[in-house]
């Protein structure tokens, strides 16, 4: 479970670094929702 969680965080971080504008904000929002619901 922890491995999957870390993998998900790494994926979202990669999206944030490789995207701009709305996509980055969306990735941040999804990350926050993931942390709040788990």
C-alpha atoms as a PDB file:
ATOM      1  CA  UNK A   1       0.000   0.000   0.000  1.00  0.00           C
ATOM      2  CA  UNK A   2       2.770   2.422   0.893  1.00  0.00           C
ATOM      3  CA  UNK A   3       4.621   1.616  -2.340  1.00  0.00           C
ATOM      4  CA  UNK A   4       1.499   2.394  -4.368  1.00  0.00           C
ATOM      5  CA  UNK A   5       0.962   5.624  -2.453  1.00  0.00           C
ATOM      6  CA  UNK A   6       4.535   6.778  -3.035  1.00  0.00           C
ATOM      7  CA  UNK A   7       4.265   5.833  -6.700  1.00  0.00           C
ATOM      8  CA  UNK A   8       1.124   7.921  -7.015  1.00  0.00           C
ATOM      9  CA  UNK A   9       2.809  10.894  -5.386  1.00  0.00           C
ATOM     10  CA  UNK A  10       5.805  10.564  -7.698  1.00  0.00           C
ATOM     11  CA  UNK A  11       3.465  10.429 -10.692  1.00  0.00           C
ATOM     12  CA  UNK A  12       1.645  13.580  -9.629  1.00  0.00           C
ATOM     13  CA  UNK A  13       4.945  15.343  -8.963  1.00  0.00           C
ATOM     14  CA  UNK A  14       6.123  14.424 -12.459  1.00  0.00           C
ATOM     15  CA  UNK A  15       2.878  15.794 -13.912  1.00  0.00           C
ATOM     16  CA  UNK A  16       3.382  19.036 -11.998  1.00  0.00           C
ATOM     17  CA  UNK A  17       6.960  19.453 -13.232  1.00  0.00           C
ATOM     18  CA  UNK A  18       6.132  18.575 -16.840  1.00  0.00           C
ATOM     19  CA  UNK A  19       2.922  20.581 -17.217  1.00  0.00           C
ATOM     20  CA  UNK A  20       1.887  24.196 -16.960  1.00  0.00           C
ATOM     21  CA  UNK A  21      -1.144  26.212 -15.929  1.00  0.00           C
ATOM     22  CA  UNK A  22      -4.422  24.373 -15.501  1.00  0.00           C
ATOM     23  CA  UNK A  23      -2.889  20.899 -15.693  1.00  0.00           C
ATOM     24  CA  UNK A  24      -0.515  21.686 -12.818  1.00  0.00           C
ATOM     25  CA  UNK A  25      -3.327  23.110 -10.701  1.00  0.00           C
ATOM     26  CA  UNK A  26      -5.440  20.033 -11.461  1.00  0.00           C
ATOM     27  CA  UNK A  27      -2.609  17.718 -10.405  1.00  0.00           C
ATOM     28  CA  UNK A  28      -2.192  19.674  -7.170  1.00  0.00           C
ATOM     29  CA  UNK A  29      -5.938  19.451  -6.535  1.00  0.00           C
ATOM     30  CA  UNK A  30      -5.954  15.694  -7.144  1.00  0.00           C
ATOM     31  CA  UNK A  31      -2.967  15.279  -4.828  1.00  0.00           C
ATOM     32  CA  UNK A  32      -4.707  17.231  -2.061  1.00  0.00           C
ATOM     33  CA  UNK A  33      -7.904  15.203  -2.498  1.00  0.00           C
ATOM     34  CA  UNK A  34      -5.899  11.964  -2.347  1.00  0.00           C
ATOM     35  CA  UNK A  35      -4.231  13.000   0.909  1.00  0.00           C
ATOM     36  CA  UNK A  36      -7.507  14.142   2.467  1.00  0.00           C
ATOM     37  CA  UNK A  37      -9.387  10.949   1.606  1.00  0.00           C
ATOM     38  CA  UNK A  38      -6.729   8.411   2.655  1.00  0.00           C
END
